[in-house]
Protein backbone atom coordinates (compact mmCIF):
# COMPACT_ATOMS: atom_id res chain seq x y z
CA MET A 1 105.11 101.71 77.96
CA SER A 2 103.98 98.84 75.66
CA ILE A 3 101.70 96.78 78.08
CA GLU A 4 100.41 93.09 77.56
CA TYR A 5 97.02 92.85 80.02
CA THR A 6 96.49 89.46 81.49
CA PRO A 7 92.65 88.89 81.41
CA GLY A 8 90.89 88.22 84.93
CA PRO A 9 88.89 89.29 87.83
CA LEU A 10 91.57 91.92 88.51
CA LEU A 11 91.68 93.45 85.36
CA ASP A 12 87.88 93.11 84.47
CA ALA A 13 87.70 95.01 88.24
CA ALA A 14 90.18 97.44 87.40
CA ARG A 15 88.64 98.24 83.42
CA ASN A 16 85.17 98.11 85.30
CA THR A 17 84.88 99.92 88.14
CA PRO A 18 86.81 102.34 90.71
CA THR A 19 88.30 100.34 92.35
CA ALA A 20 92.21 100.69 92.05
CA LEU A 21 94.77 98.11 92.32
CA TRP A 22 98.24 98.73 93.27
CA ASN A 23 101.34 96.16 93.97
CA ASP A 24 102.31 95.62 97.64
CA SER A 25 105.56 95.01 96.62
CA SER A 26 108.44 97.20 94.95
CA ASP A 27 110.31 94.36 93.33
CA PRO A 28 109.94 95.14 89.66
CA GLY A 29 109.50 91.84 88.05
CA GLU A 30 106.48 91.37 90.46
CA LEU A 31 105.50 95.15 89.57
CA ALA A 32 105.35 95.11 86.02
CA GLN A 33 103.36 91.52 86.41
CA SER A 34 100.88 93.49 88.48
CA ILE A 35 100.82 96.49 86.08
CA SER A 36 99.84 93.57 83.48
CA PHE A 37 96.51 92.43 85.86
CA GLY A 38 95.51 96.31 85.67
CA GLY A 39 97.97 97.40 88.75
CA VAL A 40 98.67 101.15 88.86
CA GLY A 41 100.56 101.45 91.82
CA ALA A 42 103.13 99.92 94.64
CA THR A 43 104.24 100.04 97.80
CA CYS A 44 107.34 99.43 100.09
CA ASN A 45 108.22 99.14 103.81
CA PRO A 46 110.91 98.21 105.92
CA THR A 47 109.64 94.70 105.73
CA ILE A 48 108.80 94.72 101.81
CA ALA A 49 112.63 96.35 101.17
CA TYR A 50 113.97 93.74 102.94
CA THR A 51 112.53 91.13 101.46
CA CYS A 52 112.96 92.43 97.70
CA ILE A 53 116.52 93.13 98.81
CA ASN A 54 116.66 89.42 99.49
CA GLN A 55 115.07 88.00 96.33
CA ARG A 56 118.05 90.02 94.22
CA ARG A 57 120.56 89.58 96.45
CA ASP A 58 122.93 89.39 93.09
CA VAL A 59 121.91 92.56 92.77
CA TRP A 60 121.28 94.56 95.77
CA LEU A 61 124.54 92.62 97.79
CA PRO A 62 127.50 94.36 95.12
CA ARG A 63 125.44 97.64 95.54
CA ILE A 64 125.43 97.88 99.31
CA ALA A 65 129.37 96.94 98.85
CA GLU A 66 129.24 100.18 96.50
CA LEU A 67 127.51 102.13 99.04
CA ALA A 68 130.09 101.75 101.34
CA LYS A 69 133.24 102.71 99.48
CA GLU A 70 130.97 105.35 98.22
CA MET A 71 129.76 106.69 101.38
CA PRO A 72 132.75 106.03 103.80
CA ASP A 73 131.04 108.38 106.90
CA ALA A 74 127.39 106.51 106.51
CA THR A 75 126.31 104.07 108.88
CA GLU A 76 124.89 100.73 108.21
CA SER A 77 121.12 102.16 108.82
CA GLU A 78 122.52 105.14 106.18
CA ILE A 79 123.46 102.64 103.56
CA GLY A 80 120.32 100.38 104.35
CA TRP A 81 118.19 103.33 103.62
CA GLN A 82 119.97 104.41 100.61
CA VAL A 83 119.50 100.85 99.07
CA VAL A 84 115.39 101.25 99.87
CA ARG A 85 115.55 104.66 98.08
CA GLU A 86 117.40 103.40 95.04
CA LEU A 87 114.90 100.16 95.26
CA SER A 88 112.34 102.71 95.45
CA LEU A 89 112.99 104.77 92.73
CA GLU A 90 113.11 101.95 90.34
CA ALA A 91 109.80 100.81 90.84
CA ALA A 92 108.51 104.11 90.72
CA LYS A 93 110.14 104.87 87.19
CA LEU A 94 107.94 101.85 86.04
CA LEU A 95 104.66 103.64 87.21
CA GLU A 96 105.20 106.89 85.81
CA PRO A 97 103.38 106.37 82.60
CA ILE A 98 100.29 105.83 84.49
CA PHE A 99 101.24 109.03 86.86
CA GLU A 100 100.95 111.11 84.08
CA ALA A 101 98.09 109.54 82.38
CA GLU A 102 95.54 110.05 85.32
CA LYS A 103 97.40 113.58 86.83
CA GLY A 104 98.35 112.36 90.14
CA ARG A 105 95.89 109.95 90.74
CA ASN A 106 97.57 106.68 90.24
CA GLY A 107 101.04 105.63 89.50
CA ARG A 108 102.57 106.32 92.73
CA LEU A 109 105.47 104.44 94.73
CA SER A 110 104.85 104.35 98.38
CA MET A 111 107.56 104.89 100.27
CA GLN A 112 107.84 104.33 104.30
CA THR A 113 109.38 106.92 107.03
CA ASP A 114 111.79 105.53 108.59
CA PRO A 115 109.94 104.05 111.84
CA ARG A 116 113.00 104.84 114.01
CA LEU A 117 111.59 108.45 114.04
CA ALA A 118 107.88 107.52 115.18
CA ARG A 119 108.66 109.72 118.15
CA SER A 120 108.88 112.88 116.13
CA ALA A 121 106.47 114.69 114.07
CA LYS A 122 108.87 116.98 112.88
CA ALA A 123 111.30 114.53 111.79
CA LEU A 124 108.84 112.74 109.99
CA ALA A 125 107.31 115.21 108.22
CA ASP A 126 110.92 116.46 107.02
CA GLN A 127 111.56 112.97 106.00
CA ALA A 128 108.40 112.75 104.01
CA GLU A 129 109.13 116.28 102.44
CA GLU A 130 112.62 114.76 101.66
CA PHE A 131 110.87 111.40 99.86
CA HIS A 132 108.53 113.28 97.81
CA ASN A 133 110.91 115.11 96.06
CA LEU A 134 112.81 112.46 95.14
CA ALA A 135 110.66 111.45 92.10
CA LYS A 136 107.21 113.49 91.18
CA ASN A 137 105.16 110.08 91.55
CA ILE A 138 106.00 109.06 95.36
CA ILE A 139 103.49 108.74 97.79
CA VAL A 140 104.48 108.71 101.26
CA LYS A 141 103.35 106.26 104.15
CA ILE A 142 103.22 108.43 107.67
CA PRO A 143 102.17 106.38 111.11
CA ALA A 144 98.69 106.28 112.51
CA THR A 145 99.80 107.31 115.86
CA SER A 146 99.13 110.35 117.57
CA VAL A 147 102.71 111.92 116.47
CA GLY A 148 101.81 110.61 113.38
CA VAL A 149 98.53 112.90 112.65
CA GLU A 150 100.26 115.93 113.32
CA ALA A 151 103.12 115.05 110.70
CA ILE A 152 100.32 113.85 108.64
CA GLU A 153 98.78 117.01 108.11
CA GLU A 154 101.99 119.21 108.50
CA ALA A 155 103.35 117.13 105.29
CA THR A 156 100.28 117.60 103.77
CA TYR A 157 100.61 121.24 104.31
CA ARG A 158 103.71 120.81 102.25
CA GLY A 159 102.49 119.21 99.36
CA VAL A 160 103.41 115.55 100.06
CA SER A 161 100.72 113.35 99.10
CA ILE A 162 100.57 110.62 102.23
CA ASN A 163 99.82 107.08 102.54
CA VAL A 164 98.63 106.79 106.01
CA THR A 165 99.81 103.35 107.56
CA VAL A 166 99.84 101.43 110.96
CA SER A 167 96.24 101.89 110.72
CA PHE A 168 93.54 99.26 111.77
CA SER A 169 90.66 101.11 112.99
CA VAL A 170 87.81 103.03 111.69
CA ALA A 171 89.01 106.57 114.28
CA GLN A 172 92.51 106.09 112.88
CA ALA A 173 91.12 106.33 109.48
CA VAL A 174 88.55 109.21 109.93
CA THR A 175 91.23 110.99 112.33
CA THR A 176 93.87 110.94 109.66
CA GLY A 177 91.54 111.82 106.90
CA GLU A 178 90.69 114.46 108.50
CA ALA A 179 94.10 115.25 109.14
CA ILE A 180 94.95 115.18 105.22
CA GLU A 181 91.77 117.65 104.71
CA ARG A 182 93.01 119.99 107.17
CA GLY A 183 96.56 119.95 105.67
CA LEU A 184 94.63 120.20 101.85
CA LYS A 185 92.60 123.08 102.98
CA ARG A 186 95.43 125.18 104.58
CA ARG A 187 97.39 124.82 101.40
CA GLU A 188 94.31 125.84 99.31
CA ALA A 189 93.69 128.86 101.37
CA GLU A 190 97.43 130.07 100.45
CA GLY A 191 96.51 129.26 96.76
CA LYS A 192 98.66 126.10 96.45
CA ASP A 193 97.83 123.59 94.40
CA THR A 194 96.51 120.23 95.33
CA SER A 195 95.16 119.36 91.45
CA GLN A 196 97.11 116.51 91.55
CA MET A 197 97.97 115.21 95.28
CA GLY A 198 96.78 111.38 96.08
CA PRO A 199 96.31 110.84 99.36
CA VAL A 200 95.05 107.51 100.86
CA VAL A 201 94.15 105.61 104.09
CA THR A 202 95.37 102.70 104.54
CA LEU A 203 93.34 100.13 106.89
CA MET A 204 95.41 97.38 107.72
CA VAL A 205 92.53 94.90 107.31
CA GLY A 206 94.27 91.15 107.66
CA ARG A 207 96.26 92.89 111.07
CA LEU A 208 92.87 93.59 112.24
CA ASP A 209 91.83 90.60 111.84
CA ASP A 210 95.10 88.91 113.54
CA TRP A 211 94.66 91.22 116.36
CA ILE A 212 90.84 90.70 117.13
CA LYS A 213 92.02 86.93 116.90
CA GLU A 214 94.69 87.17 119.65
CA VAL A 215 92.41 88.80 121.49
CA ALA A 216 89.65 86.11 121.46
CA ALA A 217 91.88 83.44 122.22
CA ARG A 218 93.58 85.41 124.86
CA ASP A 219 89.63 85.86 126.59
CA LYS A 220 88.84 82.42 125.71
CA MET A 221 85.92 83.82 123.64
CA PHE A 222 83.79 81.08 122.52
CA LEU A 223 82.71 82.29 118.67
CA ASP A 224 82.74 80.91 115.48
CA PRO A 225 86.01 81.35 113.94
CA GLY A 226 85.11 82.41 110.46
CA HIS A 227 83.14 85.37 111.44
CA LEU A 228 87.08 86.76 112.69
CA GLU A 229 87.72 86.66 108.98
CA TRP A 230 85.68 89.36 108.52
CA CYS A 231 87.01 91.67 111.05
CA GLY A 232 88.71 94.15 108.65
CA VAL A 233 86.01 94.13 105.97
CA ALA A 234 83.07 95.67 108.08
CA ALA A 235 85.76 98.21 109.66
CA PHE A 236 86.66 99.14 106.25
CA LYS A 237 83.39 98.88 105.19
CA ARG A 238 82.24 101.49 108.03
CA ALA A 239 85.67 103.89 107.02
CA TYR A 240 84.58 104.25 103.69
CA GLN A 241 81.17 105.28 104.73
CA GLU A 242 82.41 107.83 106.96
CA PHE A 243 84.70 108.77 104.39
CA ARG A 244 81.63 109.12 101.84
CA GLU A 245 79.33 110.94 104.69
CA ARG A 246 82.19 113.70 105.81
CA GLY A 247 83.49 114.54 102.48
CA LEU A 248 87.15 113.48 102.72
CA ARG A 249 89.01 113.37 99.54
CA ALA A 250 91.63 110.65 100.37
CA ARG A 251 90.98 107.47 99.26
CA MET A 252 90.73 104.26 101.44
CA LEU A 253 93.31 101.68 100.85
CA SER A 254 93.09 97.99 101.65
CA ALA A 255 96.41 96.30 102.79
CA ALA A 256 97.74 93.14 104.75
CA PHE A 257 95.82 90.87 102.62
CA ARG A 258 94.98 87.47 104.87
CA ASN A 259 91.70 86.17 102.18
CA VAL A 260 90.71 87.03 99.00
CA MET A 261 87.81 88.87 100.84
CA HIS A 262 89.96 91.57 101.46
CA TRP A 263 89.81 92.30 97.45
CA SER A 264 86.38 90.86 96.69
CA GLU A 265 84.63 92.70 99.27
CA PHE A 266 85.84 96.28 98.30
CA VAL A 267 85.34 95.95 94.70
CA GLY A 268 83.07 98.76 92.91
CA GLY A 269 84.36 101.24 96.02
CA ASP A 270 86.61 104.22 94.95
CA VAL A 271 89.02 102.56 96.88
CA VAL A 272 92.88 101.21 96.26
CA VAL A 273 93.40 97.67 97.01
CA SER A 274 97.20 96.58 98.01
CA PRO A 275 97.42 92.54 97.81
CA PRO A 276 100.73 91.12 97.87
CA PHE A 277 101.79 89.96 94.64
CA LYS A 278 101.13 85.92 95.21
CA TRP A 279 97.67 86.85 96.00
CA ALA A 280 96.78 89.24 93.06
CA LYS A 281 98.44 86.54 91.01
CA LEU A 282 95.68 83.38 92.87
CA ILE A 283 92.81 86.11 92.26
CA ASN A 284 93.38 86.83 88.41
CA GLU A 285 93.95 83.01 87.74
CA SER A 286 90.62 82.42 89.66
CA ASP A 287 87.78 81.76 87.74
CA TYR A 288 85.94 84.35 90.13
CA LYS A 289 83.44 86.43 88.22
CA MET A 290 84.03 90.38 89.72
CA GLU A 291 81.16 91.34 91.36
CA GLU A 292 80.58 94.68 93.20
CA ARG A 293 80.56 94.35 96.49
CA MET A 294 81.81 97.94 98.54
CA ASP A 295 78.17 98.94 99.19
CA ILE A 296 76.82 95.15 100.59
CA PRO A 297 76.84 95.03 104.26
CA VAL A 298 78.40 92.44 106.35
CA ARG A 299 75.98 89.88 107.29
CA GLU A 300 73.87 90.32 110.54
CA ASP A 301 74.96 87.61 112.34
CA ILE A 302 78.87 88.26 111.61
CA MET A 303 78.07 91.78 113.01
CA LYS A 304 76.59 90.19 116.24
CA THR A 305 79.61 87.95 117.05
CA LEU A 306 81.91 91.18 116.39
CA LEU A 307 80.44 93.70 118.13
CA SER A 308 79.92 91.06 121.18
CA ILE A 309 83.83 91.64 121.29
CA PRO A 310 84.62 94.83 123.01
CA GLU A 311 88.41 95.52 121.07
CA PHE A 312 86.66 95.08 117.84
CA VAL A 313 83.89 97.64 119.13
CA ARG A 314 86.96 99.65 119.60
CA ALA A 315 88.18 99.81 116.15
CA TYR A 316 85.06 99.77 114.49
CA GLU A 317 83.38 103.10 115.67
CA PRO A 318 84.51 106.33 114.73
CA ASP A 319 85.03 107.51 118.31
CA GLY A 320 86.59 104.28 119.29
CA MET A 321 89.75 105.28 120.17
CA THR A 322 91.39 108.58 121.23
CA PRO A 323 94.77 109.27 118.92
CA GLU A 324 96.58 108.63 122.17
CA GLU A 325 94.82 105.40 122.34
CA PHE A 326 95.98 104.61 118.68
CA ASP A 327 99.55 103.92 120.23
CA THR A 328 98.58 101.74 123.04
CA PHE A 329 96.39 99.49 120.25
CA GLY A 330 97.78 96.03 120.21
CA ALA A 331 97.90 96.07 115.99
CA THR A 332 99.82 99.15 116.52
CA VAL A 333 102.71 98.01 118.90
CA LYS A 334 103.21 94.45 117.12
CA THR A 335 103.28 96.63 113.19
CA LEU A 336 105.28 98.98 114.63
CA ARG A 337 107.97 96.36 116.30
CA GLY A 338 107.76 94.44 113.23
CA PHE A 339 109.03 97.28 111.29
CA LEU A 340 111.47 97.98 114.02
CA GLN A 341 113.17 94.35 113.70
CA ALA A 342 113.02 94.86 109.71
CA ASP A 343 115.35 98.08 109.90
CA ALA A 344 117.35 95.85 112.23
CA ASP A 345 117.37 93.42 110.02
CA LEU A 346 118.73 95.17 107.24
CA ASP A 347 120.97 96.70 109.50
CA THR A 348 122.54 93.36 109.76
CA LEU A 349 122.21 92.47 106.18
CA VAL A 350 124.61 95.77 105.98
CA ARG A 351 126.80 95.17 107.81
CA ASP A 352 127.59 91.47 106.46
CA VAL A 353 128.35 92.59 103.34
CA ILE A 354 130.56 95.37 104.96
CA MET A 355 132.55 92.92 107.65
CA PRO A 356 131.92 89.59 106.88
CA ALA A 357 132.03 87.08 109.81
CA PRO A 358 135.22 85.59 110.06
């Protein structure tokens, strides 16, 4: 694949630091441009898939109609998820040369397990294995819930590279990072290869910001609003430190961007940053001078504000929540409900194609 690279801060970071850039979209056009910025991976989830299909309705709506004929016994959901598979494989193909060059560490396309399976560890692990077998460079998202922790270890043991998702706290990151480590060690104990597995643990930094802002407003807390932009940054830096101290092999991944700090504050770390394409384009067209900031602590006055918020402390401390508490954490509930709604929206889109309203 011949790539015409686009100079800018993203390319500078990609070439001169360990920080990897992935694209928070599986749209092939956006992904190709992200690769020109130095991007080496991409992601898909129910919300992203629904958006990508709507952006290319001329391609995917006729394909939905074809699938309805090819799969006469399939439900609307099964047809929709087949489109997600095909969309993901199209993006994965673009990343194959990077996957080969980097021996599995990058060049991966993230596919997300169906959120409707979230209550069954076996169903999640089984679907993760199915997606893993679709292409050699698929990485599979499983949520950081109490059930998800079990599925993450089992799927890793089966050889699936995992991207932990629906994760907002240091406790979720550390717990799932340790689950991945257990899965890797189980494989290695049986002489099974792990050399080309590339697991990552996402912390949805912007969604943590959103939740803490909501809590602060709910509890009528009088705070510097600018300090609340740092919740996800502080938690991500703490999780990164914990991973290094504990020797966890999975990389941290920053997602759910709300501001440019969700890239700039993590440059220099051996991490992945995964901005939506519009953010990547904004950053790369700016005159920002790339600076390695991963190991620079969040300012003391900002941390003082954040640590005065009990809900942030739960998200910031490695033992701030138990796995059972992951399930009821506000950001978890809101995000899973959003993914479930995206699934329902995709079902509706399929229904409108195969059974148009009169």
